[in-house]
Amino acid sequence: MFAKALSKAGLESFVNGTGPFTWFAPSNEAFSAAGITEDSLNRMTQGQANYFLMYHLVNADLNGENMIAVNSTPRNTQLGSGAGQLYVGSINNENYINGSKVISRDNKVSNGYVHMINRVNTPPVLRGNLQAILTRTGQHTLFIQALTKANLWTSFGTASVFTIFAPTNTAMEAAGYNTQAISAASATTLANLMRYHYILNTRLFTNDLMKTSIPSTAAGSSTFLVTSDNGTKIKGKNNPSAVNIISSDILGTNGVVHIIDGVLRP
């Protein structure tokens, strides 16, 4: 599927050029999981196929050792800097790109490297900012209502960077935060709770959540979260048990969203 996409995108000059180039090539299973079939690929314009594949191409020699980082760090793709960057990270001798795992690395070719990854990575511009992501899910109207009441919602539409752990509507209601309860709550109470659900000035992906410690939340310097089970669960200080991260690594232009099935308790 990746080879077919390259042909559709008209990227032969990069495939055969002098380089050096590094490709992050999604597996066939990754294309299938993203809903990209041969039929949908054929219906793309050359420009559309070109755009998303250029996000999987770095104009440099990057082997596994070059991708070792304490936390995920940006690298420019052929889409450029800023919103065109992808994020490389590592843990336990494994490499990750935007939280997607490199499942076959350091495949040396004459003009660079090819690394196989287990997910198609979406250019952040196509998702928009964090406000756009949360609005589009249809699962976060209560979370957005609480953020709005707490006077925090507008910040997610700015250039500031965040990592958000976003409870679904079901999670908010189970914790007692339905529409009426949010309307009745004070802005201060909601702000203290909502700030516990995001981290400032950083993009944390699945591989970053596998570490023993992550930065404190926006609620204050001592407000830490605990992650477990290879970054698939997260627990607040007063949660009786960890909640599940049910959808991870949703990268937008100003940060990352992880969708969770519980409300974090500070």
C-alpha atoms as a PDB file:
ATOM      1  CA  MET A   1       0.000   0.000   0.000  1.00  0.00           C
ATOM      2  CA  PHE A   2       2.848   2.394   0.746  1.00  0.00           C
ATOM      3  CA  ALA A   3       4.395   1.637  -2.633  1.00  0.00           C
ATOM      4  CA  LYS A   4       1.036   2.270  -4.330  1.00  0.00           C
ATOM      5  CA  ALA A   5       0.678   5.533  -2.411  1.00  0.00           C
ATOM      6  CA  LEU A   6       4.139   6.653  -3.505  1.00  0.00           C
ATOM      7  CA  SER A   7       3.227   5.989  -7.111  1.00  0.00           C
ATOM      8  CA  LYS A   8      -0.087   7.838  -6.740  1.00  0.00           C
ATOM      9  CA  ALA A   9       1.721  10.786  -5.143  1.00  0.00           C
ATOM     10  CA  GLY A  10       4.281  11.046  -7.930  1.00  0.00           C
ATOM     11  CA  LEU A  11       7.231  10.946  -5.560  1.00  0.00           C
ATOM     12  CA  GLU A  12       9.643   8.967  -7.750  1.00  0.00           C
ATOM     13  CA  SER A  13      12.204  11.771  -7.515  1.00  0.00           C
ATOM     14  CA  PHE A  14      12.482  11.161  -3.783  1.00  0.00           C
ATOM     15  CA  VAL A  15      12.420   7.388  -4.093  1.00  0.00           C
ATOM     16  CA  ASN A  16      15.214   7.397  -6.665  1.00  0.00           C
ATOM     17  CA  GLY A  17      16.958  10.677  -5.811  1.00  0.00           C
ATOM     18  CA  THR A  18      20.383  11.085  -4.266  1.00  0.00           C
ATOM     19  CA  GLY A  19      19.049  11.928  -0.803  1.00  0.00           C
ATOM     20  CA  PRO A  20      19.786  11.331   1.936  1.00  0.00           C
ATOM     21  CA  PHE A  21      16.132  10.632   2.801  1.00  0.00           C
ATOM     22  CA  THR A  22      14.430   8.853   5.676  1.00  0.00           C
ATOM     23  CA  TRP A  23      10.988   7.354   5.060  1.00  0.00           C
ATOM     24  CA  PHE A  24       8.599   6.338   7.831  1.00  0.00           C
ATOM     25  CA  ALA A  25       6.537   3.802   5.936  1.00  0.00           C
ATOM     26  CA  PRO A  26       3.198   2.639   7.419  1.00  0.00           C
ATOM     27  CA  SER A  27       2.581  -1.093   7.103  1.00  0.00           C
ATOM     28  CA  ASN A  28      -0.335  -2.504   5.129  1.00  0.00           C
ATOM     29  CA  GLU A  29      -2.114  -3.073   8.451  1.00  0.00           C
ATOM     30  CA  ALA A  30      -1.569   0.583   9.347  1.00  0.00           C
ATOM     31  CA  PHE A  31      -3.206   1.702   6.108  1.00  0.00           C
ATOM     32  CA  SER A  32      -6.123  -0.641   6.787  1.00  0.00           C
ATOM     33  CA  ALA A  33      -6.529   0.680  10.360  1.00  0.00           C
ATOM     34  CA  ALA A  34      -6.600   4.228   8.974  1.00  0.00           C
ATOM     35  CA  GLY A  35      -9.367   3.254   6.557  1.00  0.00           C
ATOM     36  CA  ILE A  36      -7.159   3.794   3.506  1.00  0.00           C
ATOM     37  CA  THR A  37      -7.904   1.117   0.911  1.00  0.00           C
ATOM     38  CA  GLU A  38      -6.781   0.783  -2.691  1.00  0.00           C
ATOM     39  CA  ASP A  39     -10.146   2.217  -3.709  1.00  0.00           C
ATOM     40  CA  SER A  40      -9.883   5.262  -1.426  1.00  0.00           C
ATOM     41  CA  LEU A  41      -6.269   5.756  -2.509  1.00  0.00           C
ATOM     42  CA  ASN A  42      -7.338   5.716  -6.148  1.00  0.00           C
ATOM     43  CA  ARG A  43      -9.966   8.363  -5.388  1.00  0.00           C
ATOM     44  CA  MET A  44      -7.377  10.712  -3.865  1.00  0.00           C
ATOM     45  CA  THR A  45      -5.923  13.410  -6.043  1.00  0.00           C
ATOM     46  CA  GLN A  46      -2.187  13.291  -6.602  1.00  0.00           C
ATOM     47  CA  GLY A  47      -1.884  16.381  -4.414  1.00  0.00           C
ATOM     48  CA  GLN A  48      -3.750  14.745  -1.513  1.00  0.00           C
ATOM     49  CA  ALA A  49      -1.603  11.605  -1.632  1.00  0.00           C
ATOM     50  CA  ASN A  50       1.514  13.719  -1.987  1.00  0.00           C
ATOM     51  CA  TYR A  51       0.645  15.843   1.053  1.00  0.00           C
ATOM     52  CA  PHE A  52       0.183  13.043   3.565  1.00  0.00           C
ATOM     53  CA  LEU A  53       3.190  11.060   2.290  1.00  0.00           C
ATOM     54  CA  MET A  54       5.479  14.084   2.477  1.00  0.00           C
ATOM     55  CA  TYR A  55       4.668  14.092   6.204  1.00  0.00           C
ATOM     56  CA  HIS A  56       6.346  10.669   6.367  1.00  0.00           C
ATOM     57  CA  LEU A  57       9.588  11.871   4.748  1.00  0.00           C
ATOM     58  CA  VAL A  58      12.576  13.561   6.395  1.00  0.00           C
ATOM     59  CA  ASN A  59      15.338  15.027   4.278  1.00  0.00           C
ATOM     60  CA  ALA A  60      18.169  13.479   6.334  1.00  0.00           C
ATOM     61  CA  ASP A  61      19.786  10.196   7.336  1.00  0.00           C
ATOM     62  CA  LEU A  62      17.972   9.088  10.502  1.00  0.00           C
ATOM     63  CA  ASN A  63      18.769   5.710  11.975  1.00  0.00           C
ATOM     64  CA  GLY A  64      17.537   4.336  15.275  1.00  0.00           C
ATOM     65  CA  GLU A  65      20.368   5.941  17.254  1.00  0.00           C
ATOM     66  CA  ASN A  66      19.508   9.372  15.823  1.00  0.00           C
ATOM     67  CA  MET A  67      15.970   9.021  17.167  1.00  0.00           C
ATOM     68  CA  ILE A  68      16.866   8.493  20.824  1.00  0.00           C
ATOM     69  CA  ALA A  69      15.375  11.273  22.966  1.00  0.00           C
ATOM     70  CA  VAL A  70      14.311  11.806  26.574  1.00  0.00           C
ATOM     71  CA  ASN A  71      10.955  13.121  25.356  1.00  0.00           C
ATOM     72  CA  SER A  72       9.624  13.244  21.811  1.00  0.00           C
ATOM     73  CA  THR A  73      11.480  15.921  19.866  1.00  0.00           C
ATOM     74  CA  PRO A  74      10.527  17.609  16.578  1.00  0.00           C
ATOM     75  CA  ARG A  75      12.061  16.930  13.181  1.00  0.00           C
ATOM     76  CA  ASN A  76      11.132  18.811  10.040  1.00  0.00           C
ATOM     77  CA  THR A  77       9.455  16.765   7.338  1.00  0.00           C
ATOM     78  CA  GLN A  78       9.117  17.656   3.661  1.00  0.00           C
ATOM     79  CA  LEU A  79       6.058  19.658   4.742  1.00  0.00           C
ATOM     80  CA  GLY A  80       8.420  22.019   6.545  1.00  0.00           C
ATOM     81  CA  SER A  81       8.789  23.262  10.108  1.00  0.00           C
ATOM     82  CA  GLY A  82       6.110  24.172  12.646  1.00  0.00           C
ATOM     83  CA  ALA A  83       2.946  22.250  11.826  1.00  0.00           C
ATOM     84  CA  GLY A  84       4.952  20.204   9.311  1.00  0.00           C
ATOM     85  CA  GLN A  85       7.083  18.612  12.011  1.00  0.00           C
ATOM     86  CA  LEU A  86       6.863  15.071  13.290  1.00  0.00           C
ATOM     87  CA  TYR A  87       8.085  13.967  16.703  1.00  0.00           C
ATOM     88  CA  VAL A  88      10.664  11.252  17.262  1.00  0.00           C
ATOM     89  CA  GLY A  89      11.102   9.521  20.593  1.00  0.00           C
ATOM     90  CA  SER A  90      12.292   6.315  22.177  1.00  0.00           C
ATOM     91  CA  ILE A  91      11.993   4.085  25.207  1.00  0.00           C
ATOM     92  CA  ASN A  92      13.243   0.586  26.057  1.00  0.00           C
ATOM     93  CA  ASN A  93      15.320   0.512  22.858  1.00  0.00           C
ATOM     94  CA  GLU A  94      12.214   1.085  20.739  1.00  0.00           C
ATOM     95  CA  ASN A  95      11.645   4.084  18.482  1.00  0.00           C
ATOM     96  CA  TYR A  96       8.400   6.007  18.029  1.00  0.00           C
ATOM     97  CA  ILE A  97       7.119   8.604  15.568  1.00  0.00           C
ATOM     98  CA  ASN A  98       4.219  10.727  16.901  1.00  0.00           C
ATOM     99  CA  GLY A  99       3.590   7.839  19.262  1.00  0.00           C
ATOM    100  CA  SER A 100       3.416   5.279  16.451  1.00  0.00           C
ATOM    101  CA  LYS A 101       5.866   2.438  16.946  1.00  0.00           C
ATOM    102  CA  VAL A 102       8.726   1.711  14.573  1.00  0.00           C
ATOM    103  CA  ILE A 103       8.230  -2.005  13.961  1.00  0.00           C
ATOM    104  CA  SER A 104      11.117  -2.476  11.533  1.00  0.00           C
ATOM    105  CA  ARG A 105      13.952   0.016  11.682  1.00  0.00           C
ATOM    106  CA  ASP A 106      17.236   0.860  10.015  1.00  0.00           C
ATOM    107  CA  ASN A 107      16.410  -0.660   6.643  1.00  0.00           C
ATOM    108  CA  LYS A 108      19.332   0.876   4.744  1.00  0.00           C
ATOM    109  CA  VAL A 109      18.845   1.778   1.100  1.00  0.00           C
ATOM    110  CA  SER A 110      21.185   3.524  -1.315  1.00  0.00           C
ATOM    111  CA  ASN A 111      19.796   6.976  -0.561  1.00  0.00           C
ATOM    112  CA  GLY A 112      18.883   6.753   3.128  1.00  0.00           C
ATOM    113  CA  TYR A 113      16.739   4.691   5.473  1.00  0.00           C
ATOM    114  CA  VAL A 114      13.259   3.183   5.541  1.00  0.00           C
ATOM    115  CA  HIS A 115      11.584   2.534   8.892  1.00  0.00           C
ATOM    116  CA  MET A 116       8.267   0.688   9.025  1.00  0.00           C
ATOM    117  CA  ILE A 117       5.693   2.149  11.453  1.00  0.00           C
ATOM    118  CA  ASN A 118       2.439   0.720  12.797  1.00  0.00           C
ATOM    119  CA  ARG A 119       0.224   3.741  12.094  1.00  0.00           C
ATOM    120  CA  VAL A 120      -0.435   6.270   9.349  1.00  0.00           C
ATOM    121  CA  ASN A 121       0.418   9.657  10.856  1.00  0.00           C
ATOM    122  CA  THR A 122      -1.900  12.536   9.970  1.00  0.00           C
ATOM    123  CA  PRO A 123      -0.364  15.955   9.272  1.00  0.00           C
ATOM    124  CA  PRO A 124      -1.535  18.204  12.136  1.00  0.00           C
ATOM    125  CA  VAL A 125      -2.846  20.873   9.768  1.00  0.00           C
ATOM    126  CA  LEU A 126      -5.505  18.424   8.604  1.00  0.00           C
ATOM    127  CA  ARG A 127      -6.801  18.097  12.176  1.00  0.00           C
ATOM    128  CA  GLY A 128      -6.462  21.748  13.148  1.00  0.00           C
ATOM    129  CA  ASN A 129      -5.906  23.042  16.658  1.00  0.00           C
ATOM    130  CA  LEU A 130      -6.968  21.413  19.918  1.00  0.00           C
ATOM    131  CA  GLN A 131     -10.318  23.201  19.921  1.00  0.00           C
ATOM    132  CA  ALA A 132     -11.078  21.746  16.487  1.00  0.00           C
ATOM    133  CA  ILE A 133     -10.064  18.233  17.569  1.00  0.00           C
ATOM    134  CA  LEU A 134     -12.180  18.234  20.725  1.00  0.00           C
ATOM    135  CA  THR A 135     -15.182  19.740  18.961  1.00  0.00           C
ATOM    136  CA  ARG A 136     -15.014  17.235  16.136  1.00  0.00           C
ATOM    137  CA  THR A 137     -15.013  14.084  18.285  1.00  0.00           C
ATOM    138  CA  GLY A 138     -18.646  14.561  19.371  1.00  0.00           C
ATOM    139  CA  GLN A 139     -17.640  12.939  22.679  1.00  0.00           C
ATOM    140  CA  HIS A 140     -16.478  16.038  24.535  1.00  0.00           C
ATOM    141  CA  THR A 141     -19.345  18.504  24.760  1.00  0.00           C
ATOM    142  CA  LEU A 142     -19.363  18.303  28.572  1.00  0.00           C
ATOM    143  CA  PHE A 143     -15.577  18.661  28.820  1.00  0.00           C
ATOM    144  CA  ILE A 144     -15.805  21.718  26.553  1.00  0.00           C
ATOM    145  CA  GLN A 145     -18.689  23.113  28.620  1.00  0.00           C
ATOM    146  CA  ALA A 146     -16.627  22.759  31.800  1.00  0.00           C
ATOM    147  CA  LEU A 147     -13.561  24.346  30.202  1.00  0.00           C
ATOM    148  CA  THR A 148     -15.699  27.215  28.935  1.00  0.00           C
ATOM    149  CA  LYS A 149     -17.308  27.796  32.335  1.00  0.00           C
ATOM    150  CA  ALA A 150     -13.805  27.794  33.861  1.00  0.00           C
ATOM    151  CA  ASN A 151     -12.597  30.385  31.301  1.00  0.00           C
ATOM    152  CA  LEU A 152      -9.998  27.951  29.946  1.00  0.00           C
ATOM    153  CA  TRP A 153     -11.433  26.930  26.574  1.00  0.00           C
ATOM    154  CA  THR A 154     -10.121  29.859  24.538  1.00  0.00           C
ATOM    155  CA  SER A 155      -6.490  29.010  25.355  1.00  0.00           C
ATOM    156  CA  PHE A 156      -6.740  25.814  23.293  1.00  0.00           C
ATOM    157  CA  GLY A 157      -7.336  27.907  20.192  1.00  0.00           C
ATOM    158  CA  THR A 158      -4.076  29.827  20.590  1.00  0.00           C
ATOM    159  CA  ALA A 159      -0.504  29.071  19.583  1.00  0.00           C
ATOM    160  CA  SER A 160       0.294  27.810  23.097  1.00  0.00           C
ATOM    161  CA  VAL A 161       1.135  24.090  23.307  1.00  0.00           C
ATOM    162  CA  PHE A 162      -0.668  21.538  25.486  1.00  0.00           C
ATOM    163  CA  THR A 163      -1.066  17.832  26.119  1.00  0.00           C
ATOM    164  CA  ILE A 164      -4.703  17.166  27.036  1.00  0.00           C
ATOM    165  CA  PHE A 165      -6.288  14.137  28.711  1.00  0.00           C
ATOM    166  CA  ALA A 166      -9.894  14.586  27.639  1.00  0.00           C
ATOM    167  CA  PRO A 167     -12.696  12.679  29.437  1.00  0.00           C
ATOM    168  CA  THR A 168     -15.599  11.604  27.256  1.00  0.00           C
ATOM    169  CA  ASN A 169     -19.161  12.709  27.907  1.00  0.00           C
ATOM    170  CA  THR A 170     -19.841   9.296  29.447  1.00  0.00           C
ATOM    171  CA  ALA A 171     -16.890   9.743  31.808  1.00  0.00           C
ATOM    172  CA  MET A 172     -17.975  13.258  32.783  1.00  0.00           C
ATOM    173  CA  GLU A 173     -21.531  12.118  33.535  1.00  0.00           C
ATOM    174  CA  ALA A 174     -20.300   9.131  35.554  1.00  0.00           C
ATOM    175  CA  ALA A 175     -18.265  11.551  37.674  1.00  0.00           C
ATOM    176  CA  GLY A 176     -21.330  13.722  38.284  1.00  0.00           C
ATOM    177  CA  TYR A 177     -20.615  16.422  35.720  1.00  0.00           C
ATOM    178  CA  ASN A 178     -23.686  16.564  33.517  1.00  0.00           C
ATOM    179  CA  THR A 179     -24.863  19.774  31.880  1.00  0.00           C
ATOM    180  CA  GLN A 180     -26.832  20.905  34.906  1.00  0.00           C
ATOM    181  CA  ALA A 181     -24.050  20.171  37.394  1.00  0.00           C
ATOM    182  CA  ILE A 182     -21.495  22.048  35.304  1.00  0.00           C
ATOM    183  CA  SER A 183     -23.828  25.039  35.009  1.00  0.00           C
ATOM    184  CA  ALA A 184     -24.297  25.065  38.776  1.00  0.00           C
ATOM    185  CA  ALA A 185     -20.607  24.658  39.666  1.00  0.00           C
ATOM    186  CA  SER A 186     -18.380  27.646  40.369  1.00  0.00           C
ATOM    187  CA  ALA A 187     -15.807  28.663  37.769  1.00  0.00           C
ATOM    188  CA  THR A 188     -13.048  28.284  40.372  1.00  0.00           C
ATOM    189  CA  THR A 189     -14.034  24.705  41.244  1.00  0.00           C
ATOM    190  CA  LEU A 190     -14.172  23.715  37.589  1.00  0.00           C
ATOM    191  CA  ALA A 191     -10.881  25.468  36.804  1.00  0.00           C
ATOM    192  CA  ASN A 192      -9.076  23.503  39.535  1.00  0.00           C
ATOM    193  CA  LEU A 193     -10.423  20.243  38.117  1.00  0.00           C
ATOM    194  CA  MET A 194      -9.966  21.067  34.430  1.00  0.00           C
ATOM    195  CA  ARG A 195      -6.355  22.222  34.863  1.00  0.00           C
ATOM    196  CA  TYR A 196      -5.606  18.748  36.204  1.00  0.00           C
ATOM    197  CA  HIS A 197      -6.418  17.398  32.742  1.00  0.00           C
ATOM    198  CA  TYR A 198      -3.696  19.105  30.747  1.00  0.00           C
ATOM    199  CA  ILE A 199       0.019  19.795  30.758  1.00  0.00           C
ATOM    200  CA  LEU A 200       1.500  23.057  29.548  1.00  0.00           C
ATOM    201  CA  ASN A 201       4.169  23.683  26.927  1.00  0.00           C
ATOM    202  CA  THR A 202       4.763  20.105  25.866  1.00  0.00           C
ATOM    203  CA  ARG A 203       3.579  17.419  23.462  1.00  0.00           C
ATOM    204  CA  LEU A 204       3.534  14.014  25.154  1.00  0.00           C
ATOM    205  CA  PHE A 205       2.955  10.907  23.062  1.00  0.00           C
ATOM    206  CA  THR A 206       2.400   7.269  24.047  1.00  0.00           C
ATOM    207  CA  ASN A 207       6.122   6.597  24.368  1.00  0.00           C
ATOM    208  CA  ASP A 208       6.507   9.619  26.669  1.00  0.00           C
ATOM    209  CA  LEU A 209       3.669   8.303  28.847  1.00  0.00           C
ATOM    210  CA  MET A 210       5.529   5.016  29.320  1.00  0.00           C
ATOM    211  CA  LYS A 211       8.122   6.774  31.458  1.00  0.00           C
ATOM    212  CA  THR A 212       8.136   6.684  35.246  1.00  0.00           C
ATOM    213  CA  SER A 213       7.351  10.388  35.529  1.00  0.00           C
ATOM    214  CA  ILE A 214       5.771  13.048  33.335  1.00  0.00           C
ATOM    215  CA  PRO A 215       5.589  16.820  33.930  1.00  0.00           C
ATOM    216  CA  SER A 216       3.120  18.235  36.420  1.00  0.00           C
ATOM    217  CA  THR A 217      -0.261  19.406  35.189  1.00  0.00           C
ATOM    218  CA  ALA A 218      -1.425  23.000  34.746  1.00  0.00           C
ATOM    219  CA  ALA A 219      -2.998  22.771  38.215  1.00  0.00           C
ATOM    220  CA  GLY A 220       0.378  23.386  39.868  1.00  0.00           C
ATOM    221  CA  SER A 221       3.961  22.264  40.358  1.00  0.00           C
ATOM    222  CA  SER A 222       3.040  19.350  42.645  1.00  0.00           C
ATOM    223  CA  THR A 223       0.097  18.014  40.624  1.00  0.00           C
ATOM    224  CA  PHE A 224       1.449  14.906  38.935  1.00  0.00           C
ATOM    225  CA  LEU A 225      -0.285  12.097  37.099  1.00  0.00           C
ATOM    226  CA  VAL A 226       0.801   8.468  37.132  1.00  0.00           C
ATOM    227  CA  THR A 227       0.794   6.419  33.950  1.00  0.00           C
ATOM    228  CA  SER A 228       0.916   2.652  33.660  1.00  0.00           C
ATOM    229  CA  ASP A 229       0.459  -0.334  31.351  1.00  0.00           C
ATOM    230  CA  ASN A 230       2.734   1.029  28.603  1.00  0.00           C
ATOM    231  CA  GLY A 231       1.024   4.381  28.515  1.00  0.00           C
ATOM    232  CA  THR A 232      -2.494   2.993  28.172  1.00  0.00           C
ATOM    233  CA  LYS A 233      -3.699   4.009  31.661  1.00  0.00           C
ATOM    234  CA  ILE A 234      -3.437   7.169  33.737  1.00  0.00           C
ATOM    235  CA  LYS A 235      -4.298   7.911  37.346  1.00  0.00           C
ATOM    236  CA  GLY A 236      -4.907  11.090  39.300  1.00  0.00           C
ATOM    237  CA  LYS A 237      -3.887  11.469  42.939  1.00  0.00           C
ATOM    238  CA  ASN A 238      -7.389  10.689  44.235  1.00  0.00           C
ATOM    239  CA  ASN A 239      -8.613   8.284  41.597  1.00  0.00           C
ATOM    240  CA  PRO A 240      -9.346   4.930  43.269  1.00  0.00           C
ATOM    241  CA  SER A 241      -7.994   3.207  40.154  1.00  0.00           C
ATOM    242  CA  ALA A 242      -6.406   4.157  36.861  1.00  0.00           C
ATOM    243  CA  VAL A 243      -8.545   5.209  33.910  1.00  0.00           C
ATOM    244  CA  ASN A 244      -8.005   4.008  30.359  1.00  0.00           C
ATOM    245  CA  ILE A 245      -6.549   6.044  27.529  1.00  0.00           C
ATOM    246  CA  ILE A 246      -8.961   4.845  24.861  1.00  0.00           C
ATOM    247  CA  SER A 247      -7.569   6.888  21.968  1.00  0.00           C
ATOM    248  CA  SER A 248      -4.054   8.292  22.031  1.00  0.00           C
ATOM    249  CA  ASP A 249      -1.661  10.556  20.152  1.00  0.00           C
ATOM    250  CA  ILE A 250      -4.185  12.774  18.347  1.00  0.00           C
ATOM    251  CA  LEU A 251      -1.790  15.463  17.147  1.00  0.00           C
ATOM    252  CA  GLY A 252      -3.042  18.932  16.305  1.00  0.00           C
ATOM    253  CA  THR A 253      -1.249  22.133  15.379  1.00  0.00           C
ATOM    254  CA  ASN A 254      -0.809  23.171  19.021  1.00  0.00           C
ATOM    255  CA  GLY A 255      -0.600  19.938  20.955  1.00  0.00           C
ATOM    256  CA  VAL A 256      -1.762  16.399  21.565  1.00  0.00           C
ATOM    257  CA  VAL A 257      -5.077  14.959  22.771  1.00  0.00           C
ATOM    258  CA  HIS A 258      -5.465  11.622  24.560  1.00  0.00           C
ATOM    259  CA  ILE A 259      -9.076  10.554  25.091  1.00  0.00           C
ATOM    260  CA  ILE A 260      -9.768   8.943  28.482  1.00  0.00           C
ATOM    261  CA  ASP A 261     -12.722   7.056  29.949  1.00  0.00           C
ATOM    262  CA  GLY A 262     -12.635   8.654  33.412  1.00  0.00           C
ATOM    263  CA  VAL A 263     -12.249  12.024  35.123  1.00  0.00           C
ATOM    264  CA  LEU A 264      -8.884  12.590  36.797  1.00  0.00           C
ATOM    265  CA  ARG A 265      -9.130  13.466  40.500  1.00  0.00           C
ATOM    266  CA  PRO A 266      -6.519  15.890  41.933  1.00  0.00           C
END
